[in-house]
Amino acid sequence: MRARFARGLTQSPVIVEARAFDGDVDWMPQLGDLVTVYSQDQDTAFDVRLCEVVAPGRWRGVVYAISRGQEVLVTAEGLEIDDVVEVIREEIAAVIPCGHPH
């Protein structure tokens, strides 16, 4: 998962190494869906609302929630709630479909 902006004085992009999940499933996320991406090093879950298709199997979205176990976080691994990130299909662990047609 990669952030679309630079933070701090280094001006380097924020990248979270995400766990890869089996891409051989019957569903494909759609715009408006809420997807979950887990970090590889820690058990941090990032819920991301998809808002734009970047390329086939790649979306841009906004971090909606961050959690580690039962703990709800505002920031983790350099990302914060409301940050804009790009996710790829292989990083997506779960999808909560949007309730309206796209």
PDB file of N, CA and C in Angstrom:
ATOM      1  N   MET A   1       0.869  -1.156   0.000  1.00  0.00           N
ATOM      2  CA  MET A   1       0.000   0.000   0.000  1.00  0.00           C
ATOM      3  C   MET A   1       0.917   1.220   0.000  1.00  0.00           C
ATOM      4  N   ARG A   2       0.611   2.151  -0.837  1.00  0.00           N
ATOM      5  CA  ARG A   2       1.477   3.313  -1.008  1.00  0.00           C
ATOM      6  C   ARG A   2       0.667   4.600  -0.873  1.00  0.00           C
ATOM      7  N   ALA A   3       1.197   5.523  -0.082  1.00  0.00           N
ATOM      8  CA  ALA A   3       0.547   6.819   0.069  1.00  0.00           C
ATOM      9  C   ALA A   3       0.873   7.685  -1.137  1.00  0.00           C
ATOM     10  N   ARG A   4      -0.019   8.594  -1.492  1.00  0.00           N
ATOM     11  CA  ARG A   4       0.144   9.462  -2.659  1.00  0.00           C
ATOM     12  C   ARG A   4       0.848  10.767  -2.342  1.00  0.00           C
ATOM     13  N   PHE A   5       1.405  10.916  -1.205  1.00  0.00           N
ATOM     14  CA  PHE A   5       1.978  12.203  -0.807  1.00  0.00           C
ATOM     15  C   PHE A   5       3.264  11.957  -0.029  1.00  0.00           C
ATOM     16  N   ALA A   6       3.986  13.022   0.236  1.00  0.00           N
ATOM     17  CA  ALA A   6       5.199  12.925   1.059  1.00  0.00           C
ATOM     18  C   ALA A   6       4.942  13.624   2.381  1.00  0.00           C
ATOM     19  N   ARG A   7       5.534  13.102   3.424  1.00  0.00           N
ATOM     20  CA  ARG A   7       5.392  13.672   4.765  1.00  0.00           C
ATOM     21  C   ARG A   7       6.755  14.054   5.317  1.00  0.00           C
ATOM     22  N   GLY A   8       6.790  15.070   6.120  1.00  0.00           N
ATOM     23  CA  GLY A   8       8.011  15.413   6.835  1.00  0.00           C
ATOM     24  C   GLY A   8       9.069  16.046   5.941  1.00  0.00           C
ATOM     25  N   LEU A   9      10.242  16.163   6.493  1.00  0.00           N
ATOM     26  CA  LEU A   9      11.319  16.852   5.801  1.00  0.00           C
ATOM     27  C   LEU A   9      11.971  16.010   4.715  1.00  0.00           C
ATOM     28  N   THR A  10      11.863  14.697   4.783  1.00  0.00           N
ATOM     29  CA  THR A  10      12.548  13.849   3.816  1.00  0.00           C
ATOM     30  C   THR A  10      11.843  13.831   2.471  1.00  0.00           C
ATOM     31  N   GLN A  11      10.577  14.181   2.434  1.00  0.00           N
ATOM     32  CA  GLN A  11       9.779  14.188   1.212  1.00  0.00           C
ATOM     33  C   GLN A  11       9.759  12.828   0.517  1.00  0.00           C
ATOM     34  N   SER A  12       9.861  11.771   1.297  1.00  0.00           N
ATOM     35  CA  SER A  12       9.790  10.438   0.707  1.00  0.00           C
ATOM     36  C   SER A  12       8.375   9.888   0.871  1.00  0.00           C
ATOM     37  N   PRO A  13       7.926   9.068  -0.075  1.00  0.00           N
ATOM     38  CA  PRO A  13       6.576   8.521   0.035  1.00  0.00           C
ATOM     39  C   PRO A  13       6.460   7.537   1.201  1.00  0.00           C
ATOM     40  N   VAL A  14       5.273   7.420   1.744  1.00  0.00           N
ATOM     41  CA  VAL A  14       5.004   6.470   2.818  1.00  0.00           C
ATOM     42  C   VAL A  14       4.533   5.175   2.181  1.00  0.00           C
ATOM     43  N   ILE A  15       5.245   4.090   2.463  1.00  0.00           N
ATOM     44  CA  ILE A  15       4.875   2.783   1.922  1.00  0.00           C
ATOM     45  C   ILE A  15       4.702   1.814   3.077  1.00  0.00           C
ATOM     46  N   VAL A  16       3.575   1.130   3.119  1.00  0.00           N
ATOM     47  CA  VAL A  16       3.318   0.099   4.119  1.00  0.00           C
ATOM     48  C   VAL A  16       3.385  -1.243   3.402  1.00  0.00           C
ATOM     49  N   GLU A  17       4.292  -2.108   3.843  1.00  0.00           N
ATOM     50  CA  GLU A  17       4.375  -3.457   3.276  1.00  0.00           C
ATOM     51  C   GLU A  17       3.137  -4.216   3.726  1.00  0.00           C
ATOM     52  N   ALA A  18       2.319  -4.590   2.768  1.00  0.00           N
ATOM     53  CA  ALA A  18       1.058  -5.266   3.075  1.00  0.00           C
ATOM     54  C   ALA A  18       1.196  -6.761   2.841  1.00  0.00           C
ATOM     55  N   ARG A  19       0.424  -7.524   3.605  1.00  0.00           N
ATOM     56  CA  ARG A  19       0.376  -8.973   3.403  1.00  0.00           C
ATOM     57  C   ARG A  19      -0.279  -9.263   2.070  1.00  0.00           C
ATOM     58  N   ALA A  20       0.258 -10.228   1.360  1.00  0.00           N
ATOM     59  CA  ALA A  20      -0.366 -10.660   0.109  1.00  0.00           C
ATOM     60  C   ALA A  20      -1.442 -11.686   0.419  1.00  0.00           C
ATOM     61  N   PHE A  21      -2.556 -11.586  -0.282  1.00  0.00           N
ATOM     62  CA  PHE A  21      -3.657 -12.529  -0.143  1.00  0.00           C
ATOM     63  C   PHE A  21      -3.913 -13.177  -1.488  1.00  0.00           C
ATOM     64  N   ASP A  22      -4.490 -14.349  -1.474  1.00  0.00           N
ATOM     65  CA  ASP A  22      -4.776 -15.093  -2.696  1.00  0.00           C
ATOM     66  C   ASP A  22      -5.724 -14.292  -3.573  1.00  0.00           C
ATOM     67  N   GLY A  23      -5.267 -13.935  -4.758  1.00  0.00           N
ATOM     68  CA  GLY A  23      -6.086 -13.157  -5.680  1.00  0.00           C
ATOM     69  C   GLY A  23      -7.087 -13.993  -6.449  1.00  0.00           C
ATOM     70  N   ASP A  24      -7.111 -15.296  -6.239  1.00  0.00           N
ATOM     71  CA  ASP A  24      -7.997 -16.195  -6.974  1.00  0.00           C
ATOM     72  C   ASP A  24      -9.326 -16.355  -6.231  1.00  0.00           C
ATOM     73  N   VAL A  25     -10.094 -15.279  -6.197  1.00  0.00           N
ATOM     74  CA  VAL A  25     -11.408 -15.298  -5.549  1.00  0.00           C
ATOM     75  C   VAL A  25     -12.450 -14.781  -6.527  1.00  0.00           C
ATOM     76  N   ASP A  26     -13.720 -14.961  -6.192  1.00  0.00           N
ATOM     77  CA  ASP A  26     -14.808 -14.607  -7.104  1.00  0.00           C
ATOM     78  C   ASP A  26     -15.193 -13.133  -7.085  1.00  0.00           C
ATOM     79  N   TRP A  27     -14.728 -12.342  -6.129  1.00  0.00           N
ATOM     80  CA  TRP A  27     -15.157 -10.954  -6.040  1.00  0.00           C
ATOM     81  C   TRP A  27     -14.059 -10.003  -6.482  1.00  0.00           C
ATOM     82  N   MET A  28     -14.486  -8.854  -6.965  1.00  0.00           N
ATOM     83  CA  MET A  28     -13.560  -7.785  -7.340  1.00  0.00           C
ATOM     84  C   MET A  28     -14.112  -6.504  -6.732  1.00  0.00           C
ATOM     85  N   PRO A  29     -13.300  -5.774  -5.985  1.00  0.00           N
ATOM     86  CA  PRO A  29     -13.781  -4.534  -5.372  1.00  0.00           C
ATOM     87  C   PRO A  29     -14.285  -3.538  -6.414  1.00  0.00           C
ATOM     88  N   GLN A  30     -15.228  -2.707  -6.001  1.00  0.00           N
ATOM     89  CA  GLN A  30     -15.808  -1.665  -6.852  1.00  0.00           C
ATOM     90  C   GLN A  30     -15.609  -0.315  -6.158  1.00  0.00           C
ATOM     91  N   LEU A  31     -15.745   0.754  -6.906  1.00  0.00           N
ATOM     92  CA  LEU A  31     -15.667   2.084  -6.306  1.00  0.00           C
ATOM     93  C   LEU A  31     -16.698   2.229  -5.202  1.00  0.00           C
ATOM     94  N   GLY A  32     -16.308   2.833  -4.108  1.00  0.00           N
ATOM     95  CA  GLY A  32     -17.192   3.015  -2.968  1.00  0.00           C
ATOM     96  C   GLY A  32     -17.081   1.918  -1.929  1.00  0.00           C
ATOM     97  N   ASP A  33     -16.545   0.759  -2.316  1.00  0.00           N
ATOM     98  CA  ASP A  33     -16.394  -0.349  -1.367  1.00  0.00           C
ATOM     99  C   ASP A  33     -15.376   0.006  -0.289  1.00  0.00           C
ATOM    100  N   LEU A  34     -15.536  -0.613   0.870  1.00  0.00           N
ATOM    101  CA  LEU A  34     -14.585  -0.487   1.967  1.00  0.00           C
ATOM    102  C   LEU A  34     -13.758  -1.767   1.970  1.00  0.00           C
ATOM    103  N   VAL A  35     -12.444  -1.643   1.823  1.00  0.00           N
ATOM    104  CA  VAL A  35     -11.573  -2.811   1.774  1.00  0.00           C
ATOM    105  C   VAL A  35     -10.632  -2.799   2.976  1.00  0.00           C
ATOM    106  N   THR A  36     -10.178  -3.982   3.369  1.00  0.00           N
ATOM    107  CA  THR A  36      -9.244  -4.110   4.481  1.00  0.00           C
ATOM    108  C   THR A  36      -7.906  -4.598   3.959  1.00  0.00           C
ATOM    109  N   VAL A  37      -6.836  -3.911   4.385  1.00  0.00           N
ATOM    110  CA  VAL A  37      -5.461  -4.272   4.044  1.00  0.00           C
ATOM    111  C   VAL A  37      -4.709  -4.431   5.361  1.00  0.00           C
ATOM    112  N   TYR A  38      -3.967  -5.540   5.516  1.00  0.00           N
ATOM    113  CA  TYR A  38      -3.177  -5.787   6.725  1.00  0.00           C
ATOM    114  C   TYR A  38      -1.706  -5.538   6.452  1.00  0.00           C
ATOM    115  N   SER A  39      -1.022  -4.912   7.424  1.00  0.00           N
ATOM    116  CA  SER A  39       0.422  -4.723   7.287  1.00  0.00           C
ATOM    117  C   SER A  39       1.114  -6.070   7.421  1.00  0.00           C
ATOM    118  N   GLN A  40       2.290  -6.183   6.857  1.00  0.00           N
ATOM    119  CA  GLN A  40       3.033  -7.435   6.889  1.00  0.00           C
ATOM    120  C   GLN A  40       3.774  -7.616   8.208  1.00  0.00           C
ATOM    121  N   ASP A  41       4.375  -6.570   8.722  1.00  0.00           N
ATOM    122  CA  ASP A  41       5.207  -6.676   9.915  1.00  0.00           C
ATOM    123  C   ASP A  41       4.410  -6.705  11.209  1.00  0.00           C
ATOM    124  N   GLN A  42       3.307  -5.999  11.247  1.00  0.00           N
ATOM    125  CA  GLN A  42       2.481  -5.935  12.448  1.00  0.00           C
ATOM    126  C   GLN A  42       1.075  -6.348  12.067  1.00  0.00           C
ATOM    127  N   ASP A  43       0.277  -6.616  13.047  1.00  0.00           N
ATOM    128  CA  ASP A  43      -1.108  -6.992  12.768  1.00  0.00           C
ATOM    129  C   ASP A  43      -1.998  -5.758  12.696  1.00  0.00           C
ATOM    130  N   THR A  44      -1.577  -4.785  11.918  1.00  0.00           N
ATOM    131  CA  THR A  44      -2.331  -3.551  11.782  1.00  0.00           C
ATOM    132  C   THR A  44      -3.264  -3.667  10.580  1.00  0.00           C
ATOM    133  N   ALA A  45      -4.528  -3.328  10.797  1.00  0.00           N
ATOM    134  CA  ALA A  45      -5.520  -3.364   9.720  1.00  0.00           C
ATOM    135  C   ALA A  45      -5.857  -1.940   9.311  1.00  0.00           C
ATOM    136  N   PHE A  46      -5.852  -1.716   7.999  1.00  0.00           N
ATOM    137  CA  PHE A  46      -6.224  -0.423   7.436  1.00  0.00           C
ATOM    138  C   PHE A  46      -7.498  -0.632   6.624  1.00  0.00           C
ATOM    139  N   ASP A  47      -8.567   0.064   6.982  1.00  0.00           N
ATOM    140  CA  ASP A  47      -9.800   0.036   6.201  1.00  0.00           C
ATOM    141  C   ASP A  47      -9.768   1.237   5.272  1.00  0.00           C
ATOM    142  N   VAL A  48      -9.917   0.966   3.976  1.00  0.00           N
ATOM    143  CA  VAL A  48      -9.767   1.988   2.956  1.00  0.00           C
ATOM    144  C   VAL A  48     -11.026   2.040   2.101  1.00  0.00           C
ATOM    145  N   ARG A  49     -11.620   3.223   1.945  1.00  0.00           N
ATOM    146  CA  ARG A  49     -12.778   3.436   1.065  1.00  0.00           C
ATOM    147  C   ARG A  49     -12.247   3.745  -0.330  1.00  0.00           C
ATOM    148  N   LEU A  50     -12.585   2.898  -1.315  1.00  0.00           N
ATOM    149  CA  LEU A  50     -12.085   3.068  -2.679  1.00  0.00           C
ATOM    150  C   LEU A  50     -12.822   4.207  -3.380  1.00  0.00           C
ATOM    151  N   CYS A  51     -12.059   5.115  -4.000  1.00  0.00           N
ATOM    152  CA  CYS A  51     -12.694   6.279  -4.634  1.00  0.00           C
ATOM    153  C   CYS A  51     -12.282   6.477  -6.094  1.00  0.00           C
ATOM    154  N   GLU A  52     -11.270   5.737  -6.562  1.00  0.00           N
ATOM    155  CA  GLU A  52     -10.822   5.933  -7.947  1.00  0.00           C
ATOM    156  C   GLU A  52     -10.088   4.695  -8.434  1.00  0.00           C
ATOM    157  N   VAL A  53     -10.331   4.314  -9.684  1.00  0.00           N
ATOM    158  CA  VAL A  53      -9.580   3.233 -10.313  1.00  0.00           C
ATOM    159  C   VAL A  53      -8.342   3.844 -10.948  1.00  0.00           C
ATOM    160  N   VAL A  54      -7.169   3.335 -10.598  1.00  0.00           N
ATOM    161  CA  VAL A  54      -5.914   3.840 -11.140  1.00  0.00           C
ATOM    162  C   VAL A  54      -5.527   3.030 -12.374  1.00  0.00           C
ATOM    163  N   ALA A  55      -5.700   1.723 -12.291  1.00  0.00           N
ATOM    164  CA  ALA A  55      -5.391   0.781 -13.367  1.00  0.00           C
ATOM    165  C   ALA A  55      -6.140  -0.503 -13.029  1.00  0.00           C
ATOM    166  N   PRO A  56      -6.219  -1.461 -13.948  1.00  0.00           N
ATOM    167  CA  PRO A  56      -6.874  -2.725 -13.603  1.00  0.00           C
ATOM    168  C   PRO A  56      -6.213  -3.360 -12.373  1.00  0.00           C
ATOM    169  N   GLY A  57      -7.026  -3.639 -11.353  1.00  0.00           N
ATOM    170  CA  GLY A  57      -6.521  -4.245 -10.121  1.00  0.00           C
ATOM    171  C   GLY A  57      -5.794  -3.297  -9.193  1.00  0.00           C
ATOM    172  N   ARG A  58      -5.901  -1.977  -9.428  1.00  0.00           N
ATOM    173  CA  ARG A  58      -5.246  -0.959  -8.591  1.00  0.00           C
ATOM    174  C   ARG A  58      -6.224   0.193  -8.372  1.00  0.00           C
ATOM    175  N   TRP A  59      -6.397   0.565  -7.085  1.00  0.00           N
ATOM    176  CA  TRP A  59      -7.344   1.615  -6.719  1.00  0.00           C
ATOM    177  C   TRP A  59      -6.685   2.664  -5.848  1.00  0.00           C
ATOM    178  N   ARG A  60      -7.265   3.841  -5.838  1.00  0.00           N
ATOM    179  CA  ARG A  60      -6.908   4.906  -4.915  1.00  0.00           C
ATOM    180  C   ARG A  60      -8.063   5.007  -3.936  1.00  0.00           C
ATOM    181  N   GLY A  61      -7.728   5.216  -2.676  1.00  0.00           N
ATOM    182  CA  GLY A  61      -8.770   5.321  -1.668  1.00  0.00           C
ATOM    183  C   GLY A  61      -8.308   6.127  -0.472  1.00  0.00           C
ATOM    184  N   VAL A  62      -9.225   6.333   0.459  1.00  0.00           N
ATOM    185  CA  VAL A  62      -8.971   7.118   1.657  1.00  0.00           C
ATOM    186  C   VAL A  62      -9.007   6.193   2.864  1.00  0.00           C
ATOM    187  N   VAL A  63      -7.989   6.318   3.738  1.00  0.00           N
ATOM    188  CA  VAL A  63      -7.947   5.505   4.957  1.00  0.00           C
ATOM    189  C   VAL A  63      -9.109   5.931   5.842  1.00  0.00           C
ATOM    190  N   TYR A  64      -9.997   4.993   6.106  1.00  0.00           N
ATOM    191  CA  TYR A  64     -11.227   5.244   6.865  1.00  0.00           C
ATOM    192  C   TYR A  64     -11.042   4.889   8.342  1.00  0.00           C
ATOM    193  N   ALA A  65     -10.286   3.815   8.612  1.00  0.00           N
ATOM    194  CA  ALA A  65     -10.062   3.368   9.986  1.00  0.00           C
ATOM    195  C   ALA A  65      -8.755   2.585  10.047  1.00  0.00           C
ATOM    196  N   ILE A  66      -8.120   2.624  11.231  1.00  0.00           N
ATOM    197  CA  ILE A  66      -6.893   1.872  11.482  1.00  0.00           C
ATOM    198  C   ILE A  66      -7.072   1.152  12.820  1.00  0.00           C
ATOM    199  N   SER A  67      -6.682  -0.122  12.860  1.00  0.00           N
ATOM    200  CA  SER A  67      -6.784  -0.851  14.127  1.00  0.00           C
ATOM    201  C   SER A  67      -5.666  -1.881  14.241  1.00  0.00           C
ATOM    202  N   ARG A  68      -5.353  -2.241  15.474  1.00  0.00           N
ATOM    203  CA  ARG A  68      -4.407  -3.309  15.773  1.00  0.00           C
ATOM    204  C   ARG A  68      -5.051  -4.145  16.865  1.00  0.00           C
ATOM    205  N   GLY A  69      -5.548  -5.310  16.492  1.00  0.00           N
ATOM    206  CA  GLY A  69      -6.315  -6.118  17.435  1.00  0.00           C
ATOM    207  C   GLY A  69      -7.601  -5.378  17.796  1.00  0.00           C
ATOM    208  N   GLN A  70      -7.849  -5.200  19.075  1.00  0.00           N
ATOM    209  CA  GLN A  70      -9.036  -4.475  19.536  1.00  0.00           C
ATOM    210  C   GLN A  70      -8.799  -2.977  19.663  1.00  0.00           C
ATOM    211  N   GLU A  71      -7.546  -2.550  19.472  1.00  0.00           N
ATOM    212  CA  GLU A  71      -7.178  -1.148  19.643  1.00  0.00           C
ATOM    213  C   GLU A  71      -7.465  -0.345  18.366  1.00  0.00           C
ATOM    214  N   VAL A  72      -8.201   0.742  18.517  1.00  0.00           N
ATOM    215  CA  VAL A  72      -8.492   1.649  17.402  1.00  0.00           C
ATOM    216  C   VAL A  72      -7.428   2.740  17.410  1.00  0.00           C
ATOM    217  N   LEU A  73      -6.824   2.974  16.236  1.00  0.00           N
ATOM    218  CA  LEU A  73      -5.716   3.928  16.130  1.00  0.00           C
ATOM    219  C   LEU A  73      -6.074   5.089  15.212  1.00  0.00           C
ATOM    220  N   VAL A  74      -5.365   6.191  15.364  1.00  0.00           N
ATOM    221  CA  VAL A  74      -5.501   7.338  14.480  1.00  0.00           C
ATOM    222  C   VAL A  74      -4.351   7.330  13.474  1.00  0.00           C
ATOM    223  N   THR A  75      -3.206   6.779  13.877  1.00  0.00           N
ATOM    224  CA  THR A  75      -2.030   6.710  13.021  1.00  0.00           C
ATOM    225  C   THR A  75      -1.301   5.392  13.259  1.00  0.00           C
ATOM    226  N   ALA A  76      -0.682   4.860  12.220  1.00  0.00           N
ATOM    227  CA  ALA A  76       0.129   3.644  12.330  1.00  0.00           C
ATOM    228  C   ALA A  76       1.010   3.529  11.104  1.00  0.00           C
ATOM    229  N   GLU A  77       2.252   3.141  11.318  1.00  0.00           N
ATOM    230  CA  GLU A  77       3.207   2.896  10.245  1.00  0.00           C
ATOM    231  C   GLU A  77       3.331   4.057   9.258  1.00  0.00           C
ATOM    232  N   GLY A  78       3.189   5.276   9.780  1.00  0.00           N
ATOM    233  CA  GLY A  78       3.349   6.462   8.946  1.00  0.00           C
ATOM    234  C   GLY A  78       2.083   6.936   8.257  1.00  0.00           C
ATOM    235  N   LEU A  79       0.987   6.199   8.392  1.00  0.00           N
ATOM    236  CA  LEU A  79      -0.285   6.602   7.780  1.00  0.00           C
ATOM    237  C   LEU A  79      -1.260   7.057   8.855  1.00  0.00           C
ATOM    238  N   GLU A  80      -2.165   7.940   8.460  1.00  0.00           N
ATOM    239  CA  GLU A  80      -3.197   8.446   9.362  1.00  0.00           C
ATOM    240  C   GLU A  80      -4.564   8.284   8.710  1.00  0.00           C
ATOM    241  N   ILE A  81      -5.593   8.361   9.528  1.00  0.00           N
ATOM    242  CA  ILE A  81      -6.958   8.378   9.006  1.00  0.00           C
ATOM    243  C   ILE A  81      -7.082   9.572   8.057  1.00  0.00           C
ATOM    244  N   ASP A  82      -7.785   9.394   6.958  1.00  0.00           N
ATOM    245  CA  ASP A  82      -8.017  10.386   5.900  1.00  0.00           C
ATOM    246  C   ASP A  82      -6.855  10.533   4.914  1.00  0.00           C
ATOM    247  N   ASP A  83      -5.762   9.771   5.092  1.00  0.00           N
ATOM    248  CA  ASP A  83      -4.692   9.792   4.096  1.00  0.00           C
ATOM    249  C   ASP A  83      -5.170   9.095   2.828  1.00  0.00           C
ATOM    250  N   VAL A  84      -4.650   9.531   1.688  1.00  0.00           N
ATOM    251  CA  VAL A  84      -4.988   8.933   0.397  1.00  0.00           C
ATOM    252  C   VAL A  84      -3.894   7.919   0.055  1.00  0.00           C
ATOM    253  N   VAL A  85      -4.313   6.685  -0.253  1.00  0.00           N
ATOM    254  CA  VAL A  85      -3.369   5.609  -0.548  1.00  0.00           C
ATOM    255  C   VAL A  85      -3.780   4.885  -1.824  1.00  0.00           C
ATOM    256  N   GLU A  86      -2.847   4.125  -2.377  1.00  0.00           N
ATOM    257  CA  GLU A  86      -3.141   3.240  -3.491  1.00  0.00           C
ATOM    258  C   GLU A  86      -2.995   1.806  -3.002  1.00  0.00           C
ATOM    259  N   VAL A  87      -3.947   0.961  -3.369  1.00  0.00           N
ATOM    260  CA  VAL A  87      -3.905  -0.456  -3.003  1.00  0.00           C
ATOM    261  C   VAL A  87      -4.048  -1.291  -4.264  1.00  0.00           C
ATOM    262  N   ILE A  88      -3.457  -2.477  -4.235  1.00  0.00           N
ATOM    263  CA  ILE A  88      -3.593  -3.412  -5.347  1.00  0.00           C
ATOM    264  C   ILE A  88      -4.416  -4.605  -4.888  1.00  0.00           C
ATOM    265  N   ARG A  89      -4.995  -5.310  -5.825  1.00  0.00           N
ATOM    266  CA  ARG A  89      -5.900  -6.413  -5.546  1.00  0.00           C
ATOM    267  C   ARG A  89      -5.278  -7.444  -4.603  1.00  0.00           C
ATOM    268  N   GLU A  90      -3.997  -7.748  -4.799  1.00  0.00           N
ATOM    269  CA  GLU A  90      -3.337  -8.770  -3.979  1.00  0.00           C
ATOM    270  C   GLU A  90      -3.210  -8.392  -2.512  1.00  0.00           C
ATOM    271  N   GLU A  91      -3.327  -7.107  -2.188  1.00  0.00           N
ATOM    272  CA  GLU A  91      -3.225  -6.647  -0.800  1.00  0.00           C
ATOM    273  C   GLU A  91      -4.558  -6.693  -0.064  1.00  0.00           C
ATOM    274  N   ILE A  92      -5.645  -6.817  -0.785  1.00  0.00           N
ATOM    275  CA  ILE A  92      -6.973  -6.698  -0.188  1.00  0.00           C
ATOM    276  C   ILE A  92      -7.393  -8.017   0.458  1.00  0.00           C
ATOM    277  N   ALA A  93      -7.614  -7.966   1.780  1.00  0.00           N
ATOM    278  CA  ALA A  93      -7.995  -9.156   2.536  1.00  0.00           C
ATOM    279  C   ALA A  93      -9.500  -9.352   2.583  1.00  0.00           C
ATOM    280  N   ALA A  94     -10.262  -8.253   2.575  1.00  0.00           N
ATOM    281  CA  ALA A  94     -11.717  -8.336   2.689  1.00  0.00           C
ATOM    282  C   ALA A  94     -12.346  -7.119   2.037  1.00  0.00           C
ATOM    283  N   VAL A  95     -13.593  -7.294   1.605  1.00  0.00           N
ATOM    284  CA  VAL A  95     -14.344  -6.200   0.974  1.00  0.00           C
ATOM    285  C   VAL A  95     -15.719  -6.105   1.617  1.00  0.00           C
ATOM    286  N   ILE A  96     -16.107  -4.906   1.997  1.00  0.00           N
ATOM    287  CA  ILE A  96     -17.493  -4.637   2.403  1.00  0.00           C
ATOM    288  C   ILE A  96     -18.088  -3.822   1.262  1.00  0.00           C
ATOM    289  N   PRO A  97     -19.004  -4.417   0.499  1.00  0.00           N
ATOM    290  CA  PRO A  97     -19.555  -3.716  -0.676  1.00  0.00           C
ATOM    291  C   PRO A  97     -20.327  -2.454  -0.276  1.00  0.00           C
ATOM    292  N   CYS A  98     -20.239  -1.475  -1.143  1.00  0.00           N
ATOM    293  CA  CYS A  98     -21.005  -0.234  -1.002  1.00  0.00           C
ATOM    294  C   CYS A  98     -22.475  -0.579  -1.178  1.00  0.00           C
ATOM    295  N   GLY A  99     -23.339   0.114  -0.490  1.00  0.00           N
ATOM    296  CA  GLY A  99     -24.762  -0.196  -0.531  1.00  0.00           C
ATOM    297  C   GLY A  99     -25.546   0.364  -1.692  1.00  0.00           C
ATOM    298  N   HIS A 100     -24.900   1.063  -2.653  1.00  0.00           N
ATOM    299  CA  HIS A 100     -25.642   1.644  -3.778  1.00  0.00           C
ATOM    300  C   HIS A 100     -24.975   1.256  -5.088  1.00  0.00           C
ATOM    301  N   PRO A 101     -25.705   1.301  -6.206  1.00  0.00           N
ATOM    302  CA  PRO A 101     -25.114   0.953  -7.501  1.00  0.00           C
ATOM    303  C   PRO A 101     -24.041   1.951  -7.901  1.00  0.00           C
ATOM    304  N   HIS A 102     -23.072   1.498  -8.694  1.00  0.00           N
ATOM    305  CA  HIS A 102     -21.942   2.337  -9.096  1.00  0.00           C
ATOM    306  C   HIS A 102     -22.165   2.885 -10.463  1.00  0.00           C
TER     307      HIS A 102
END
